C-alpha atoms as a PDB file:
ATOM      1  CA  MET A   1    -116.360  48.997 -67.698  1.00  0.00           C
ATOM      2  CA  SER A   2    -112.998  49.481 -67.022  1.00  0.00           C
ATOM      3  CA  ASP A   3    -110.273  47.029 -68.121  1.00  0.00           C
ATOM      4  CA  VAL A   4    -108.080  47.351 -64.956  1.00  0.00           C
ATOM      5  CA  THR A   5    -109.253  46.358 -61.718  1.00  0.00           C
ATOM      6  CA  ALA A   6    -107.856  47.590 -58.258  1.00  0.00           C
ATOM      7  CA  ILE A   7    -107.995  45.420 -55.365  1.00  0.00           C
ATOM      8  CA  LEU A   8    -106.895  47.208 -52.081  1.00  0.00           C
ATOM      9  CA  THR A   9    -106.777  44.942 -48.742  1.00  0.00           C
ATOM     10  CA  SER A  10    -107.396  46.870 -45.374  1.00  0.00           C
ATOM     11  CA  TYR A  11    -106.250  45.549 -41.995  1.00  0.00           C
ATOM     12  CA  LYS A  12    -106.401  47.548 -39.193  1.00  0.00           C
ATOM     13  CA  ARG A  13    -105.453  50.947 -41.079  1.00  0.00           C
ATOM     14  CA  GLY A  14    -109.473  51.734 -41.976  1.00  0.00           C
ATOM     15  CA  ILE A  15    -108.027  55.305 -41.854  1.00  0.00           C
ATOM     16  CA  ASN A  16    -105.676  55.115 -44.754  1.00  0.00           C
ATOM     17  CA  VAL A  17    -108.646  53.819 -47.028  1.00  0.00           C
ATOM     18  CA  PRO A  18    -111.008  56.727 -47.987  1.00  0.00           C
ATOM     19  CA  ARG A  19    -107.668  58.289 -49.144  1.00  0.00           C
ATOM     20  CA  ILE A  20    -106.566  55.381 -51.395  1.00  0.00           C
ATOM     21  CA  ILE A  21    -110.103  54.793 -52.503  1.00  0.00           C
ATOM     22  CA  ASP A  22    -110.226  58.671 -53.568  1.00  0.00           C
ATOM     23  CA  ASN A  23    -107.015  58.840 -55.411  1.00  0.00           C
ATOM     24  CA  LEU A  24    -107.431  55.338 -56.989  1.00  0.00           C
ATOM     25  CA  ALA A  25    -110.995  56.756 -58.500  1.00  0.00           C
ATOM     26  CA  ARG A  26    -108.837  59.655 -59.928  1.00  0.00           C
ATOM     27  CA  GLN A  27    -106.473  57.868 -62.112  1.00  0.00           C
ATOM     28  CA  SER A  28    -106.428  58.622 -66.033  1.00  0.00           C
ATOM     29  CA  ILE A  29    -107.563  55.236 -66.582  1.00  0.00           C
ATOM     30  CA  LYS A  30    -110.437  54.640 -63.980  1.00  0.00           C
ATOM     31  CA  PRO A  31    -110.004  50.994 -62.162  1.00  0.00           C
ATOM     32  CA  ARG A  32    -113.076  49.177 -61.057  1.00  0.00           C
ATOM     33  CA  ILE A  33    -112.391  49.352 -57.202  1.00  0.00           C
ATOM     34  CA  VAL A  34    -112.331  45.947 -54.782  1.00  0.00           C
ATOM     35  CA  LEU A  35    -112.045  46.546 -51.347  1.00  0.00           C
ATOM     36  CA  ILE A  36    -110.741  43.141 -48.846  1.00  0.00           C
ATOM     37  CA  ASP A  37    -111.943  44.221 -45.597  1.00  0.00           C
ATOM     38  CA  THR A  38    -110.778  41.935 -43.559  1.00  0.00           C
ATOM     39  CA  GLU A  39    -112.201  43.775 -40.233  1.00  0.00           C
ATOM     40  CA  ASN A  40    -115.132  45.145 -41.200  1.00  0.00           C
ATOM     41  CA  SER A  41    -114.353  48.773 -40.445  1.00  0.00           C
ATOM     42  CA  TYR A  42    -115.032  50.732 -43.543  1.00  0.00           C
ATOM     43  CA  SER A  43    -118.037  51.309 -45.241  1.00  0.00           C
ATOM     44  CA  GLY A  44    -117.046  50.720 -48.662  1.00  0.00           C
ATOM     45  CA  GLU A  45    -117.859  53.916 -49.721  1.00  0.00           C
ATOM     46  CA  GLY A  46    -116.580  54.549 -53.102  1.00  0.00           C
ATOM     47  CA  ALA A  47    -115.588  51.122 -54.042  1.00  0.00           C
ATOM     48  CA  ASP A  48    -117.124  49.248 -56.427  1.00  0.00           C
ATOM     49  CA  GLU A  49    -117.594  45.720 -54.554  1.00  0.00           C
ATOM     50  CA  VAL A  50    -116.280  44.599 -50.964  1.00  0.00           C
ATOM     51  CA  TRP A  51    -115.353  41.661 -50.262  1.00  0.00           C
ATOM     52  CA  ARG A  52    -115.530  41.161 -46.176  1.00  0.00           C
ATOM     53  CA  VAL A  53    -113.273  38.312 -44.918  1.00  0.00           C
ATOM     54  CA  PRO A  54    -112.965  37.221 -41.201  1.00  0.00           C
ATOM     55  CA  ARG A  55    -109.200  36.982 -41.271  1.00  0.00           C
ATOM     56  CA  PRO A  56    -106.292  39.144 -42.709  1.00  0.00           C
ATOM     57  CA  VAL A  57    -105.376  37.603 -46.008  1.00  0.00           C
ATOM     58  CA  GLY A  58    -101.718  37.576 -47.558  1.00  0.00           C
ATOM     59  CA  ALA A  59    -100.880  37.778 -51.418  1.00  0.00           C
ATOM     60  CA  TYR A  60    -102.183  34.594 -52.119  1.00  0.00           C
ATOM     61  CA  PRO A  61    -105.513  34.851 -51.446  1.00  0.00           C
ATOM     62  CA  ARG A  62    -105.937  38.257 -53.342  1.00  0.00           C
ATOM     63  CA  TRP A  63    -104.667  36.642 -56.492  1.00  0.00           C
ATOM     64  CA  GLN A  64    -107.553  34.172 -55.711  1.00  0.00           C
ATOM     65  CA  ILE A  65    -110.338  37.231 -55.614  1.00  0.00           C
ATOM     66  CA  ALA A  66    -108.334  38.770 -58.893  1.00  0.00           C
ATOM     67  CA  SER A  67    -109.092  35.531 -60.824  1.00  0.00           C
ATOM     68  CA  TYR A  68    -112.352  37.121 -61.199  1.00  0.00           C
ATOM     69  CA  TYR A  69    -111.899  40.184 -62.674  1.00  0.00           C
ATOM     70  CA  GLY A  70    -109.264  41.223 -65.227  1.00  0.00           C
ATOM     71  CA  PRO A  71    -108.041  41.485 -67.762  1.00  0.00           C
ATOM     72  CA  TRP A  72    -105.565  43.686 -65.852  1.00  0.00           C
ATOM     73  CA  ILE A  73    -104.835  43.698 -61.936  1.00  0.00           C
ATOM     74  CA  TYR A  74    -103.418  46.398 -59.683  1.00  0.00           C
ATOM     75  CA  ILE A  75    -102.613  45.503 -56.729  1.00  0.00           C
ATOM     76  CA  GLN A  76    -102.038  47.313 -53.667  1.00  0.00           C
ATOM     77  CA  ASP A  77    -101.822  47.833 -49.403  1.00  0.00           C
ATOM     78  CA  ASP A  78    -103.582  50.153 -47.226  1.00  0.00           C
ATOM     79  CA  ASP A  79    -100.221  51.768 -46.064  1.00  0.00           C
ATOM     80  CA  ILE A  80     -99.380  52.986 -50.092  1.00  0.00           C
ATOM     81  CA  LEU A  81    -101.208  56.364 -51.508  1.00  0.00           C
ATOM     82  CA  PRO A  82    -100.358  56.862 -55.377  1.00  0.00           C
ATOM     83  CA  THR A  83    -100.367  60.665 -55.684  1.00  0.00           C
ATOM     84  CA  SER A  84    -100.279  59.954 -59.204  1.00  0.00           C
ATOM     85  CA  PRO A  85    -103.229  60.249 -61.009  1.00  0.00           C
ATOM     86  CA  TYR A  86    -101.066  58.272 -63.840  1.00  0.00           C
ATOM     87  CA  LEU A  87    -100.020  55.686 -62.002  1.00  0.00           C
ATOM     88  CA  ILE A  88    -101.671  52.782 -63.344  1.00  0.00           C
ATOM     89  CA  GLU A  89    -101.331  54.360 -66.896  1.00  0.00           C
ATOM     90  CA  SER A  90     -98.076  53.814 -66.260  1.00  0.00           C
ATOM     91  CA  LEU A  91     -97.397  50.919 -65.249  1.00  0.00           C
ATOM     92  CA  LEU A  92    -100.089  49.482 -68.093  1.00  0.00           C
ATOM     93  CA  GLU A  93     -97.794  51.331 -70.355  1.00  0.00           C
ATOM     94  CA  LYS A  94     -94.683  49.671 -69.126  1.00  0.00           C
ATOM     95  CA  SER A  95     -95.929  45.961 -68.397  1.00  0.00           C
ATOM     96  CA  LYS A  96     -94.665  43.526 -70.720  1.00  0.00           C
ATOM     97  CA  GLY A  97     -97.736  41.122 -69.917  1.00  0.00           C
ATOM     98  CA  GLY A  98     -97.729  37.247 -70.019  1.00  0.00           C
ATOM     99  CA  ARG A  99     -96.536  36.321 -66.883  1.00  0.00           C
ATOM    100  CA  SER A 100     -94.672  39.497 -65.876  1.00  0.00           C
ATOM    101  CA  ILE A 101     -95.396  41.460 -62.738  1.00  0.00           C
ATOM    102  CA  ILE A 102     -94.913  45.682 -62.790  1.00  0.00           C
ATOM    103  CA  GLY A 103     -93.770  47.157 -59.580  1.00  0.00           C
ATOM    104  CA  PRO A 104     -92.241  49.719 -58.033  1.00  0.00           C
ATOM    105  CA  ARG A 105     -90.373  47.714 -55.359  1.00  0.00           C
ATOM    106  CA  ALA A 106     -88.334  44.468 -55.377  1.00  0.00           C
ATOM    107  CA  ARG A 107     -85.652  42.407 -53.687  1.00  0.00           C
ATOM    108  CA  ASP A 108     -84.109  39.606 -56.141  1.00  0.00           C
ATOM    109  CA  VAL A 109     -84.121  35.995 -55.123  1.00  0.00           C
ATOM    110  CA  TRP A 110     -80.857  34.953 -55.563  1.00  0.00           C
ATOM    111  CA  PHE A 111     -79.706  31.637 -56.096  1.00  0.00           C
ATOM    112  CA  ASP A 112     -77.036  31.412 -53.802  1.00  0.00           C
ATOM    113  CA  VAL A 113     -76.831  32.077 -50.036  1.00  0.00           C
ATOM    114  CA  PRO A 114     -78.097  34.489 -48.797  1.00  0.00           C
ATOM    115  CA  HIS A 115     -81.274  34.464 -51.013  1.00  0.00           C
ATOM    116  CA  TYR A 116     -82.849  36.815 -49.923  1.00  0.00           C
ATOM    117  CA  MET A 117     -81.394  39.099 -46.975  1.00  0.00           C
ATOM    118  CA  HIS A 118     -79.084  41.414 -48.986  1.00  0.00           C
ATOM    119  CA  ASP A 119     -80.152  44.883 -50.304  1.00  0.00           C
ATOM    120  CA  ASP A 120     -83.015  45.527 -52.843  1.00  0.00           C
ATOM    121  CA  ALA A 121     -82.847  44.799 -56.815  1.00  0.00           C
ATOM    122  CA  ILE A 122     -81.280  47.213 -58.780  1.00  0.00           C
ATOM    123  CA  GLY A 123     -83.460  46.231 -61.598  1.00  0.00           C
ATOM    124  CA  PRO A 124     -84.550  46.960 -64.471  1.00  0.00           C
ATOM    125  CA  MET A 125     -85.662  43.185 -64.179  1.00  0.00           C
ATOM    126  CA  THR A 126     -86.377  40.790 -61.362  1.00  0.00           C
ATOM    127  CA  ASN A 127     -87.423  37.613 -59.847  1.00  0.00           C
ATOM    128  CA  ASN A 128     -89.370  38.992 -57.421  1.00  0.00           C
ATOM    129  CA  ILE A 129     -91.738  42.133 -57.572  1.00  0.00           C
ATOM    130  CA  LYS A 130     -92.801  42.909 -53.357  1.00  0.00           C
ATOM    131  CA  GLY A 131     -96.799  42.741 -53.458  1.00  0.00           C
ATOM    132  CA  GLY A 132     -97.519  45.654 -51.922  1.00  0.00           C
ATOM    133  CA  CYS A 133     -98.188  47.712 -54.578  1.00  0.00           C
ATOM    134  CA  CYS A 134     -97.882  45.688 -58.257  1.00  0.00           C
ATOM    135  CA  LEU A 135     -99.998  45.689 -61.543  1.00  0.00           C
ATOM    136  CA  PHE A 136    -100.261  42.158 -63.998  1.00  0.00           C
ATOM    137  CA  ASN A 137    -102.518  40.455 -66.143  1.00  0.00           C
ATOM    138  CA  ARG A 138    -104.617  37.702 -65.500  1.00  0.00           C
ATOM    139  CA  TYR A 139    -102.932  35.229 -67.827  1.00  0.00           C
ATOM    140  CA  ALA A 140    -100.133  35.120 -64.783  1.00  0.00           C
ATOM    141  CA  LEU A 141    -102.087  33.599 -62.284  1.00  0.00           C
ATOM    142  CA  ASN A 142    -102.656  30.553 -64.838  1.00  0.00           C
ATOM    143  CA  TYR A 143     -98.874  29.749 -63.428  1.00  0.00           C
ATOM    144  CA  VAL A 144     -99.630  30.169 -59.936  1.00  0.00           C
ATOM    145  CA  ARG A 145    -100.291  26.663 -58.120  1.00  0.00           C
ATOM    146  CA  THR A 146    -101.956  26.827 -54.929  1.00  0.00           C
ATOM    147  CA  PRO A 147     -99.685  26.683 -51.728  1.00  0.00           C
ATOM    148  CA  PRO A 148     -98.522  24.017 -49.655  1.00  0.00           C
ATOM    149  CA  ASP A 149     -99.003  24.048 -45.875  1.00  0.00           C
ATOM    150  CA  TRP A 150     -95.194  25.591 -45.447  1.00  0.00           C
ATOM    151  CA  VAL A 151     -96.151  28.739 -47.003  1.00  0.00           C
ATOM    152  CA  THR A 152     -97.097  31.017 -44.176  1.00  0.00           C
ATOM    153  CA  GLN A 153     -98.722  34.498 -44.967  1.00  0.00           C
ATOM    154  CA  ARG A 154     -96.010  36.359 -44.667  1.00  0.00           C
ATOM    155  CA  CYS A 155     -94.127  34.442 -47.625  1.00  0.00           C
ATOM    156  CA  ASP A 156     -96.896  34.078 -49.749  1.00  0.00           C
ATOM    157  CA  ASP A 157     -96.185  37.243 -52.049  1.00  0.00           C
ATOM    158  CA  LEU A 158     -92.948  35.409 -52.417  1.00  0.00           C
ATOM    159  CA  TRP A 159     -94.437  32.489 -53.770  1.00  0.00           C
ATOM    160  CA  VAL A 160     -96.622  34.514 -56.453  1.00  0.00           C
ATOM    161  CA  SER A 161     -93.814  35.896 -57.582  1.00  0.00           C
ATOM    162  CA  LEU A 162     -91.188  32.980 -57.998  1.00  0.00           C
ATOM    163  CA  GLU A 163     -94.524  30.854 -59.312  1.00  0.00           C
ATOM    164  CA  THR A 164     -95.251  33.217 -62.146  1.00  0.00           C
ATOM    165  CA  GLY A 165     -91.512  33.758 -62.862  1.00  0.00           C
ATOM    166  CA  ARG A 166     -90.532  29.969 -62.386  1.00  0.00           C
ATOM    167  CA  GLY A 167     -86.964  31.778 -60.413  1.00  0.00           C
ATOM    168  CA  LYS A 168     -86.440  34.017 -63.611  1.00  0.00           C
ATOM    169  CA  LYS A 169     -86.368  37.692 -63.924  1.00  0.00           C
ATOM    170  CA  ILE A 170     -89.127  38.585 -65.940  1.00  0.00           C
ATOM    171  CA  HIS A 171     -90.578  41.088 -63.637  1.00  0.00           C
ATOM    172  CA  VAL A 172     -90.239  44.448 -64.231  1.00  0.00           C
ATOM    173  CA  VAL A 173     -89.111  47.252 -61.863  1.00  0.00           C
ATOM    174  CA  ALA A 174     -90.703  50.215 -62.049  1.00  0.00           C
ATOM    175  CA  LYS A 175     -88.274  52.383 -60.100  1.00  0.00           C
ATOM    176  CA  TRP A 176     -89.388  55.587 -61.607  1.00  0.00           C
ATOM    177  CA  ALA A 177     -93.156  54.661 -60.328  1.00  0.00           C
ATOM    178  CA  ARG A 178     -91.716  55.366 -56.588  1.00  0.00           C
ATOM    179  CA  ASP A 179     -92.200  58.924 -57.521  1.00  0.00           C
ATOM    180  CA  MET A 180     -95.686  58.267 -58.029  1.00  0.00           C
ATOM    181  CA  ILE A 181     -96.643  56.787 -54.643  1.00  0.00           C
ATOM    182  CA  MET A 182     -96.425  57.495 -50.793  1.00  0.00           C
ATOM    183  CA  ASP A 183     -96.602  55.902 -48.211  1.00  0.00           C
ATOM    184  CA  LEU A 184     -98.875  56.276 -45.451  1.00  0.00           C
ATOM    185  CA  PRO A 185     -98.223  56.082 -41.565  1.00  0.00           C
ATOM    186  CA  VAL A 186     -98.206  52.560 -40.510  1.00  0.00           C
ATOM    187  CA  LEU A 187    -100.385  52.324 -37.287  1.00  0.00           C
ATOM    188  CA  ALA A 188     -98.829  51.491 -33.596  1.00  0.00           C
ATOM    189  CA  SER A 189    -101.410  48.160 -33.559  1.00  0.00           C
ATOM    190  CA  ARG A 190    -100.018  46.388 -36.532  1.00  0.00           C
ATOM    191  CA  PRO A 191     -96.337  47.602 -37.509  1.00  0.00           C
ATOM    192  CA  GLY A 192     -96.208  45.296 -40.298  1.00  0.00           C
ATOM    193  CA  PHE A 193     -94.515  42.091 -40.905  1.00  0.00           C
ATOM    194  CA  CYS A 194     -91.504  44.149 -42.203  1.00  0.00           C
ATOM    195  CA  LYS A 195     -91.077  45.507 -39.273  1.00  0.00           C
ATOM    196  CA  GLU A 196     -90.854  42.439 -37.400  1.00  0.00           C
ATOM    197  CA  PRO A 197     -87.627  40.559 -36.615  1.00  0.00           C
ATOM    198  CA  GLU A 198     -88.486  36.996 -38.049  1.00  0.00           C
ATOM    199  CA  HIS A 199     -89.730  38.771 -41.418  1.00  0.00           C
ATOM    200  CA  TYR A 200     -86.388  38.363 -42.695  1.00  0.00           C
ATOM    201  CA  THR A 201     -85.403  34.960 -41.101  1.00  0.00           C
ATOM    202  CA  GLU A 202     -88.273  33.398 -42.757  1.00  0.00           C
ATOM    203  CA  ARG A 203     -88.261  34.746 -46.051  1.00  0.00           C
ATOM    204  CA  GLU A 204     -84.806  33.593 -46.230  1.00  0.00           C
ATOM    205  CA  ALA A 205     -86.012  30.259 -45.311  1.00  0.00           C
ATOM    206  CA  PHE A 206     -88.730  29.763 -47.417  1.00  0.00           C
ATOM    207  CA  CYS A 207     -86.540  31.117 -50.748  1.00  0.00           C
ATOM    208  CA  ALA A 208     -84.257  27.954 -50.019  1.00  0.00           C
ATOM    209  CA  ARG A 209     -87.128  26.233 -49.412  1.00  0.00           C
ATOM    210  CA  TRP A 210     -88.763  26.860 -52.872  1.00  0.00           C
ATOM    211  CA  LEU A 211     -85.394  26.849 -54.410  1.00  0.00           C
ATOM    212  CA  THR A 212     -84.559  23.261 -53.543  1.00  0.00           C
ATOM    213  CA  GLU A 213     -87.908  21.949 -54.453  1.00  0.00           C
ATOM    214  CA  ASN A 214     -88.323  23.526 -57.548  1.00  0.00           C
ATOM    215  CA  LEU A 215     -85.538  24.626 -59.705  1.00  0.00           C
ATOM    216  CA  SER A 216     -82.631  21.584 -57.922  1.00  0.00           C
END
């Protein structure tokens, strides 16, 4: 069995799932493929395991599911297609392990205002890897506390990054990996959280509260 488990979450983009699973199966390091299906909209063909859940889940529940696997976990959303068969292998090679997360997209959380509503991280290190596509060692899960009630689904990927790094820039920005993935069409029925006007204001408020409660 592979040392890597790929966890794919599907919600209202079931049309993308077969292509993603097919490309994950073609990785040079073939992962165990676990599908989290929140709509019961896909048969699960090609996946090694399917978790069918009654409602959408954000980043933190995915990490809870990830605790059953390991030692390496690759997570991605259903609007990202791995176009290179060497994506997972390359992320593994460049990973620092431990508490560190590696992924192609990031946005630094600044200690000063604005905390989040600014340009993306330049890298090479950051305190926040975006949860849409990333890889980490299961060891990192030891540092993630259960989110309190005020942490919403829109912000729980931030919770994971900040908890594992405690606000320090320990996560790896794999900018080169952006050439190894492709954004798939986002369906009109669900434009995606990042397209909603309140996305950034909620994340800005989240960062302010997390920083105040944990690093003040």
